[in-house]
Amino acid sequence: MHSHSTRLQYRHKSADAAYRHQFGIAQRLLAHGCHLSVHASSGRDMTRLLRQLAAMTEGSEDARECVRIYFDLSRLTLSEPEEFFDALLEALRREITRIGPLGTDVEACRYPIVAHDSFRRLRAALCFCERHNLRVHFLLDGVEHLIQSPRFDAPFFGALRHLGGSAAVTFVCTTSMPLHELSWATPASGSPFWNLFVQLSLTSPREEIGHSCSRAQSGEPLTSAERYYVV
């Protein structure tokens, strides 16, 4: 009979194997340009996934084609949508500076066209990225902190939906429960922003995701079910 420690080690190995499979699915979905919503009962697993995604481009050749910007929304003190867009813009500017010039128009991203609000300045910077074939992944850890705040209303999420329509932009969000359930009871429940996302659960049993993971890792096309809701 297996000892308690042996059974515990087996469970840890099984959990790690399942996580690696799901991480592979997340990578494949991002490679297809999918906006991704990740939920799990453990905030640690979700943060782990986003931080691993963010670290993948650091020091690699992909860094000049894709930047991934991680935000822990539980630690950001945001009282207004303007502050959120300012935070995204400043982080984007830092990444552009870090990876080096993309062309003679690099200053257009550091100092985009004059606009009266943060959203338009951010949109101008993302247009710069799109012109230079630079993809931007915003990794938003704990997006329920925005959803549950009354200051972040339907127009705010409509603005995010507009940004998500850019070829340069991909959002990856984490929540403690499925995004469609979390957003249902909010004032912004009717926002088209929620329709952007493929949903990925980190709490699914390994046997339920094994087939999808094998297909993702082998490079086979995803089915329609896998494309719109991966469990």
C-alpha atoms as a PDB file:
ATOM      1  CA  MET A   1       0.000   0.000   0.000  1.00  0.00           C
ATOM      2  CA  HIS A   2       1.272   3.416  -0.890  1.00  0.00           C
ATOM      3  CA  SER A   3       2.258   5.681   1.969  1.00  0.00           C
ATOM      4  CA  HIS A   4       0.559   9.046   2.465  1.00  0.00           C
ATOM      5  CA  SER A   5       3.670  10.897   1.229  1.00  0.00           C
ATOM      6  CA  THR A   6       3.798   8.740  -1.919  1.00  0.00           C
ATOM      7  CA  ARG A   7       0.137   9.454  -2.703  1.00  0.00           C
ATOM      8  CA  LEU A   8       0.731  13.152  -2.055  1.00  0.00           C
ATOM      9  CA  GLN A   9       3.704  13.179  -4.426  1.00  0.00           C
ATOM     10  CA  TYR A  10       1.592  11.460  -7.079  1.00  0.00           C
ATOM     11  CA  ARG A  11      -1.135  14.084  -6.723  1.00  0.00           C
ATOM     12  CA  HIS A  12       1.398  16.884  -7.054  1.00  0.00           C
ATOM     13  CA  LYS A  13       2.866  15.292 -10.172  1.00  0.00           C
ATOM     14  CA  SER A  14      -0.612  14.829 -11.663  1.00  0.00           C
ATOM     15  CA  ALA A  15      -1.515  18.444 -10.910  1.00  0.00           C
ATOM     16  CA  ASP A  16       1.742  19.672 -12.467  1.00  0.00           C
ATOM     17  CA  ALA A  17       1.157  17.550 -15.572  1.00  0.00           C
ATOM     18  CA  ALA A  18      -2.361  18.942 -15.935  1.00  0.00           C
ATOM     19  CA  TYR A  19      -1.073  22.481 -15.496  1.00  0.00           C
ATOM     20  CA  ARG A  20       1.590  21.979 -18.174  1.00  0.00           C
ATOM     21  CA  HIS A  21      -1.063  20.684 -20.575  1.00  0.00           C
ATOM     22  CA  GLN A  22      -3.273  23.695 -19.933  1.00  0.00           C
ATOM     23  CA  PHE A  23      -0.333  26.052 -20.263  1.00  0.00           C
ATOM     24  CA  GLY A  24       0.281  24.523 -23.696  1.00  0.00           C
ATOM     25  CA  ILE A  25      -3.330  25.257 -24.662  1.00  0.00           C
ATOM     26  CA  ALA A  26      -2.937  28.867 -23.479  1.00  0.00           C
ATOM     27  CA  GLN A  27       0.180  29.291 -25.630  1.00  0.00           C
ATOM     28  CA  ARG A  28      -1.561  27.858 -28.679  1.00  0.00           C
ATOM     29  CA  LEU A  29      -4.615  30.082 -28.252  1.00  0.00           C
ATOM     30  CA  LEU A  30      -2.420  33.171 -27.928  1.00  0.00           C
ATOM     31  CA  ALA A  31      -0.518  32.152 -31.050  1.00  0.00           C
ATOM     32  CA  HIS A  32      -3.885  32.192 -32.850  1.00  0.00           C
ATOM     33  CA  GLY A  33      -4.552  35.710 -31.572  1.00  0.00           C
ATOM     34  CA  CYS A  34      -7.304  34.658 -29.160  1.00  0.00           C
ATOM     35  CA  HIS A  35      -8.242  36.786 -26.183  1.00  0.00           C
ATOM     36  CA  LEU A  36      -8.084  34.460 -23.197  1.00  0.00           C
ATOM     37  CA  SER A  37      -9.935  34.369 -19.875  1.00  0.00           C
ATOM     38  CA  VAL A  38      -8.454  32.017 -17.256  1.00  0.00           C
ATOM     39  CA  HIS A  39     -10.251  31.043 -14.061  1.00  0.00           C
ATOM     40  CA  ALA A  40      -9.312  28.801 -11.154  1.00  0.00           C
ATOM     41  CA  SER A  41     -10.038  28.389  -7.483  1.00  0.00           C
ATOM     42  CA  SER A  42      -6.364  29.027  -6.779  1.00  0.00           C
ATOM     43  CA  GLY A  43      -5.134  32.534  -7.455  1.00  0.00           C
ATOM     44  CA  ARG A  44      -1.586  31.202  -7.252  1.00  0.00           C
ATOM     45  CA  ASP A  45      -2.072  28.986 -10.324  1.00  0.00           C
ATOM     46  CA  MET A  46      -3.484  31.866 -12.359  1.00  0.00           C
ATOM     47  CA  THR A  47      -0.676  34.222 -11.360  1.00  0.00           C
ATOM     48  CA  ARG A  48       1.847  31.493 -12.135  1.00  0.00           C
ATOM     49  CA  LEU A  49       0.436  31.085 -15.633  1.00  0.00           C
ATOM     50  CA  LEU A  50       0.466  34.819 -16.415  1.00  0.00           C
ATOM     51  CA  ARG A  51       3.967  35.329 -15.051  1.00  0.00           C
ATOM     52  CA  GLN A  52       5.262  32.405 -17.095  1.00  0.00           C
ATOM     53  CA  LEU A  53       3.654  33.837 -20.210  1.00  0.00           C
ATOM     54  CA  ALA A  54       5.182  37.248 -19.466  1.00  0.00           C
ATOM     55  CA  ALA A  55       8.645  35.765 -18.962  1.00  0.00           C
ATOM     56  CA  MET A  56       8.635  33.794 -22.209  1.00  0.00           C
ATOM     57  CA  THR A  57       9.496  36.768 -24.434  1.00  0.00           C
ATOM     58  CA  GLU A  58      12.177  38.278 -22.183  1.00  0.00           C
ATOM     59  CA  GLY A  59      15.570  38.030 -23.851  1.00  0.00           C
ATOM     60  CA  SER A  60      14.190  36.048 -26.810  1.00  0.00           C
ATOM     61  CA  GLU A  61      13.922  36.832 -30.496  1.00  0.00           C
ATOM     62  CA  ASP A  62      10.166  37.094 -30.031  1.00  0.00           C
ATOM     63  CA  ALA A  63      10.703  40.181 -27.872  1.00  0.00           C
ATOM     64  CA  ARG A  64      10.876  42.335 -31.010  1.00  0.00           C
ATOM     65  CA  GLU A  65       7.605  40.917 -32.318  1.00  0.00           C
ATOM     66  CA  CYS A  66       5.563  40.598 -29.137  1.00  0.00           C
ATOM     67  CA  VAL A  67       5.564  42.282 -25.734  1.00  0.00           C
ATOM     68  CA  ARG A  68       3.658  40.901 -22.772  1.00  0.00           C
ATOM     69  CA  ILE A  69       2.760  43.288 -19.987  1.00  0.00           C
ATOM     70  CA  TYR A  70       1.687  41.855 -16.636  1.00  0.00           C
ATOM     71  CA  PHE A  71      -0.601  43.727 -14.225  1.00  0.00           C
ATOM     72  CA  ASP A  72      -1.619  42.542 -10.771  1.00  0.00           C
ATOM     73  CA  LEU A  73      -4.906  44.425 -10.515  1.00  0.00           C
ATOM     74  CA  SER A  74      -5.281  43.580  -6.821  1.00  0.00           C
ATOM     75  CA  ARG A  75      -2.228  45.739  -6.114  1.00  0.00           C
ATOM     76  CA  LEU A  76      -3.003  48.658  -8.409  1.00  0.00           C
ATOM     77  CA  THR A  77      -4.800  51.562  -6.780  1.00  0.00           C
ATOM     78  CA  LEU A  78      -7.169  52.603  -9.540  1.00  0.00           C
ATOM     79  CA  SER A  79     -10.067  54.910  -8.822  1.00  0.00           C
ATOM     80  CA  GLU A  80     -10.879  56.037 -12.368  1.00  0.00           C
ATOM     81  CA  PRO A  81     -10.756  54.523 -15.879  1.00  0.00           C
ATOM     82  CA  GLU A  82      -8.319  57.273 -16.903  1.00  0.00           C
ATOM     83  CA  GLU A  83      -5.808  55.930 -14.397  1.00  0.00           C
ATOM     84  CA  PHE A  84      -6.135  52.433 -15.826  1.00  0.00           C
ATOM     85  CA  PHE A  85      -5.467  53.593 -19.381  1.00  0.00           C
ATOM     86  CA  ASP A  86      -2.544  55.702 -18.141  1.00  0.00           C
ATOM     87  CA  ALA A  87      -1.061  52.616 -16.437  1.00  0.00           C
ATOM     88  CA  LEU A  88      -1.343  50.573 -19.640  1.00  0.00           C
ATOM     89  CA  LEU A  89       0.244  53.350 -21.676  1.00  0.00           C
ATOM     90  CA  GLU A  90       3.188  53.873 -19.316  1.00  0.00           C
ATOM     91  CA  ALA A  91       3.882  50.136 -19.183  1.00  0.00           C
ATOM     92  CA  LEU A  92       3.761  49.956 -22.977  1.00  0.00           C
ATOM     93  CA  ARG A  93       6.202  52.855 -23.293  1.00  0.00           C
ATOM     94  CA  ARG A  94       8.638  51.131 -20.926  1.00  0.00           C
ATOM     95  CA  GLU A  95       8.500  47.921 -22.949  1.00  0.00           C
ATOM     96  CA  ILE A  96       9.081  49.760 -26.220  1.00  0.00           C
ATOM     97  CA  THR A  97      12.105  51.481 -24.702  1.00  0.00           C
ATOM     98  CA  ARG A  98      13.430  48.202 -23.273  1.00  0.00           C
ATOM     99  CA  ILE A  99      13.369  46.219 -26.502  1.00  0.00           C
ATOM    100  CA  GLY A 100      15.027  48.992 -28.513  1.00  0.00           C
ATOM    101  CA  PRO A 101      13.952  51.057 -31.515  1.00  0.00           C
ATOM    102  CA  LEU A 102      11.548  49.541 -33.996  1.00  0.00           C
ATOM    103  CA  GLY A 103      12.201  52.198 -36.610  1.00  0.00           C
ATOM    104  CA  THR A 104      12.579  55.915 -37.072  1.00  0.00           C
ATOM    105  CA  ASP A 105       9.074  56.492 -35.700  1.00  0.00           C
ATOM    106  CA  VAL A 106       9.805  55.060 -32.239  1.00  0.00           C
ATOM    107  CA  GLU A 107       9.165  58.462 -30.664  1.00  0.00           C
ATOM    108  CA  ALA A 108       5.592  58.244 -31.937  1.00  0.00           C
ATOM    109  CA  CYS A 109       4.979  55.611 -29.295  1.00  0.00           C
ATOM    110  CA  ARG A 110       6.831  57.420 -26.531  1.00  0.00           C
ATOM    111  CA  TYR A 111       5.007  60.644 -27.283  1.00  0.00           C
ATOM    112  CA  PRO A 112       1.895  59.821 -29.303  1.00  0.00           C
ATOM    113  CA  ILE A 113      -0.370  62.380 -30.871  1.00  0.00           C
ATOM    114  CA  VAL A 114      -1.816  64.936 -28.505  1.00  0.00           C
ATOM    115  CA  ALA A 115      -5.184  63.784 -27.219  1.00  0.00           C
ATOM    116  CA  HIS A 116      -7.516  65.001 -24.546  1.00  0.00           C
ATOM    117  CA  ASP A 117      -7.819  61.692 -22.690  1.00  0.00           C
ATOM    118  CA  SER A 118      -5.748  58.661 -21.758  1.00  0.00           C
ATOM    119  CA  PHE A 119      -7.756  56.264 -23.893  1.00  0.00           C
ATOM    120  CA  ARG A 120      -6.957  58.136 -27.113  1.00  0.00           C
ATOM    121  CA  ARG A 121      -3.284  58.382 -26.195  1.00  0.00           C
ATOM    122  CA  LEU A 122      -3.180  54.651 -25.568  1.00  0.00           C
ATOM    123  CA  ARG A 123      -5.010  53.951 -28.826  1.00  0.00           C
ATOM    124  CA  ALA A 124      -2.466  56.094 -30.707  1.00  0.00           C
ATOM    125  CA  ALA A 125       0.412  54.141 -29.166  1.00  0.00           C
ATOM    126  CA  LEU A 126      -1.220  50.837 -30.115  1.00  0.00           C
ATOM    127  CA  CYS A 127      -1.695  52.073 -33.677  1.00  0.00           C
ATOM    128  CA  PHE A 128       2.053  52.668 -33.706  1.00  0.00           C
ATOM    129  CA  CYS A 129       2.595  49.062 -32.595  1.00  0.00           C
ATOM    130  CA  GLU A 130       0.264  47.766 -35.280  1.00  0.00           C
ATOM    131  CA  ARG A 131       2.114  49.709 -37.986  1.00  0.00           C
ATOM    132  CA  HIS A 132       5.374  48.120 -36.841  1.00  0.00           C
ATOM    133  CA  ASN A 133       3.924  44.600 -36.577  1.00  0.00           C
ATOM    134  CA  LEU A 134       4.458  44.548 -32.818  1.00  0.00           C
ATOM    135  CA  ARG A 135       1.889  42.499 -30.907  1.00  0.00           C
ATOM    136  CA  VAL A 136       0.935  43.583 -27.387  1.00  0.00           C
ATOM    137  CA  HIS A 137      -0.437  41.131 -24.834  1.00  0.00           C
ATOM    138  CA  PHE A 138      -1.968  42.739 -21.753  1.00  0.00           C
ATOM    139  CA  LEU A 139      -1.968  40.152 -18.941  1.00  0.00           C
ATOM    140  CA  LEU A 140      -4.565  41.317 -16.393  1.00  0.00           C
ATOM    141  CA  ASP A 141      -4.412  39.312 -13.166  1.00  0.00           C
ATOM    142  CA  GLY A 142      -7.606  39.572 -11.100  1.00  0.00           C
ATOM    143  CA  VAL A 143      -9.873  41.410 -13.523  1.00  0.00           C
ATOM    144  CA  GLU A 144     -12.776  41.065 -11.055  1.00  0.00           C
ATOM    145  CA  HIS A 145     -11.277  44.058  -9.243  1.00  0.00           C
ATOM    146  CA  LEU A 146     -12.346  46.117 -12.271  1.00  0.00           C
ATOM    147  CA  ILE A 147     -15.629  44.312 -12.870  1.00  0.00           C
ATOM    148  CA  GLN A 148     -16.831  44.766  -9.301  1.00  0.00           C
ATOM    149  CA  SER A 149     -16.010  48.470  -9.113  1.00  0.00           C
ATOM    150  CA  PRO A 150     -18.939  50.774  -9.992  1.00  0.00           C
ATOM    151  CA  ARG A 151     -16.525  53.307 -11.503  1.00  0.00           C
ATOM    152  CA  PHE A 152     -15.569  50.854 -14.249  1.00  0.00           C
ATOM    153  CA  ASP A 153     -18.864  50.834 -16.090  1.00  0.00           C
ATOM    154  CA  ALA A 154     -20.238  49.811 -19.491  1.00  0.00           C
ATOM    155  CA  PRO A 155     -18.552  52.686 -21.417  1.00  0.00           C
ATOM    156  CA  PHE A 156     -15.197  51.688 -19.899  1.00  0.00           C
ATOM    157  CA  PHE A 157     -15.541  48.073 -20.986  1.00  0.00           C
ATOM    158  CA  GLY A 158     -16.795  49.285 -24.357  1.00  0.00           C
ATOM    159  CA  ALA A 159     -13.513  51.187 -24.709  1.00  0.00           C
ATOM    160  CA  LEU A 160     -11.594  48.012 -23.855  1.00  0.00           C
ATOM    161  CA  ARG A 161     -13.625  46.165 -26.489  1.00  0.00           C
ATOM    162  CA  HIS A 162     -12.553  48.780 -29.022  1.00  0.00           C
ATOM    163  CA  LEU A 163      -8.888  48.228 -28.119  1.00  0.00           C
ATOM    164  CA  GLY A 164      -9.372  44.479 -28.321  1.00  0.00           C
ATOM    165  CA  GLY A 165     -10.445  44.845 -31.941  1.00  0.00           C
ATOM    166  CA  SER A 166      -6.942  45.961 -32.911  1.00  0.00           C
ATOM    167  CA  ALA A 167      -4.747  43.413 -34.636  1.00  0.00           C
ATOM    168  CA  ALA A 168      -1.952  44.450 -32.274  1.00  0.00           C
ATOM    169  CA  VAL A 169      -3.779  43.735 -29.011  1.00  0.00           C
ATOM    170  CA  THR A 170      -4.555  40.578 -27.062  1.00  0.00           C
ATOM    171  CA  PHE A 171      -6.043  40.506 -23.580  1.00  0.00           C
ATOM    172  CA  VAL A 172      -5.414  37.684 -21.126  1.00  0.00           C
ATOM    173  CA  CYS A 173      -7.527  37.972 -17.969  1.00  0.00           C
ATOM    174  CA  THR A 174      -7.720  35.888 -14.823  1.00  0.00           C
ATOM    175  CA  THR A 175     -10.763  35.630 -12.567  1.00  0.00           C
ATOM    176  CA  SER A 176     -11.784  33.531  -9.576  1.00  0.00           C
ATOM    177  CA  MET A 177     -14.819  32.223 -11.479  1.00  0.00           C
ATOM    178  CA  PRO A 178     -15.853  31.977 -15.153  1.00  0.00           C
ATOM    179  CA  LEU A 179     -15.874  35.440 -16.688  1.00  0.00           C
ATOM    180  CA  HIS A 180     -19.415  35.217 -18.049  1.00  0.00           C
ATOM    181  CA  GLU A 181     -20.717  34.338 -14.569  1.00  0.00           C
ATOM    182  CA  LEU A 182     -18.714  37.072 -12.870  1.00  0.00           C
ATOM    183  CA  SER A 183     -19.817  39.778 -15.277  1.00  0.00           C
ATOM    184  CA  TRP A 184     -23.487  38.759 -15.416  1.00  0.00           C
ATOM    185  CA  ALA A 185     -24.616  40.686 -12.334  1.00  0.00           C
ATOM    186  CA  THR A 186     -22.617  43.858 -13.053  1.00  0.00           C
ATOM    187  CA  PRO A 187     -23.835  47.103 -14.669  1.00  0.00           C
ATOM    188  CA  ALA A 188     -21.559  46.269 -17.601  1.00  0.00           C
ATOM    189  CA  SER A 189     -23.088  42.816 -18.154  1.00  0.00           C
ATOM    190  CA  GLY A 190     -24.297  43.751 -21.630  1.00  0.00           C
ATOM    191  CA  SER A 191     -20.897  44.926 -22.827  1.00  0.00           C
ATOM    192  CA  PRO A 192     -19.597  43.238 -26.002  1.00  0.00           C
ATOM    193  CA  PHE A 193     -16.201  43.097 -24.265  1.00  0.00           C
ATOM    194  CA  TRP A 194     -17.145  39.757 -22.705  1.00  0.00           C
ATOM    195  CA  ASN A 195     -17.688  38.223 -26.143  1.00  0.00           C
ATOM    196  CA  LEU A 196     -14.003  38.544 -26.995  1.00  0.00           C
ATOM    197  CA  PHE A 197     -12.778  35.719 -24.838  1.00  0.00           C
ATOM    198  CA  VAL A 198     -11.985  32.056 -25.060  1.00  0.00           C
ATOM    199  CA  GLN A 199     -12.336  30.654 -21.542  1.00  0.00           C
ATOM    200  CA  LEU A 200      -9.795  28.286 -19.992  1.00  0.00           C
ATOM    201  CA  SER A 201     -10.334  26.568 -16.643  1.00  0.00           C
ATOM    202  CA  LEU A 202      -7.357  25.610 -14.498  1.00  0.00           C
ATOM    203  CA  THR A 203      -9.595  23.561 -12.207  1.00  0.00           C
ATOM    204  CA  SER A 204     -10.703  20.968 -14.767  1.00  0.00           C
ATOM    205  CA  PRO A 205      -9.777  17.306 -14.185  1.00  0.00           C
ATOM    206  CA  ARG A 206      -6.862  16.205 -16.297  1.00  0.00           C
ATOM    207  CA  GLU A 207      -8.849  13.489 -18.063  1.00  0.00           C
ATOM    208  CA  GLU A 208     -11.364  16.093 -19.289  1.00  0.00           C
ATOM    209  CA  ILE A 209      -8.692  18.230 -20.907  1.00  0.00           C
ATOM    210  CA  GLY A 210      -6.298  15.525 -22.079  1.00  0.00           C
ATOM    211  CA  HIS A 211      -7.728  15.195 -25.566  1.00  0.00           C
ATOM    212  CA  SER A 212      -7.812  18.946 -26.169  1.00  0.00           C
ATOM    213  CA  CYS A 213      -4.291  19.333 -24.823  1.00  0.00           C
ATOM    214  CA  SER A 214      -2.966  16.563 -27.058  1.00  0.00           C
ATOM    215  CA  ARG A 215      -4.534  18.235 -30.083  1.00  0.00           C
ATOM    216  CA  ALA A 216      -3.098  21.618 -29.117  1.00  0.00           C
ATOM    217  CA  GLN A 217       0.399  20.254 -28.603  1.00  0.00           C
ATOM    218  CA  SER A 218       0.367  18.224 -31.823  1.00  0.00           C
ATOM    219  CA  GLY A 219      -0.537  21.302 -33.855  1.00  0.00           C
ATOM    220  CA  GLU A 220      -3.915  20.010 -34.996  1.00  0.00           C
ATOM    221  CA  PRO A 221      -6.623  22.635 -35.619  1.00  0.00           C
ATOM    222  CA  LEU A 222      -8.845  23.331 -32.632  1.00  0.00           C
ATOM    223  CA  THR A 223     -12.485  22.314 -32.868  1.00  0.00           C
ATOM    224  CA  SER A 224     -15.225  24.921 -32.518  1.00  0.00           C
ATOM    225  CA  ALA A 225     -15.845  23.801 -28.940  1.00  0.00           C
ATOM    226  CA  GLU A 226     -12.166  24.144 -28.088  1.00  0.00           C
ATOM    227  CA  ARG A 227     -12.046  27.492 -29.851  1.00  0.00           C
ATOM    228  CA  TYR A 228     -14.820  29.094 -27.815  1.00  0.00           C
ATOM    229  CA  TYR A 229     -14.681  27.277 -24.504  1.00  0.00           C
ATOM    230  CA  VAL A 230     -11.744  25.119 -23.441  1.00  0.00           C
ATOM    231  CA  VAL A 231     -12.180  23.039 -20.321  1.00  0.00           C
END
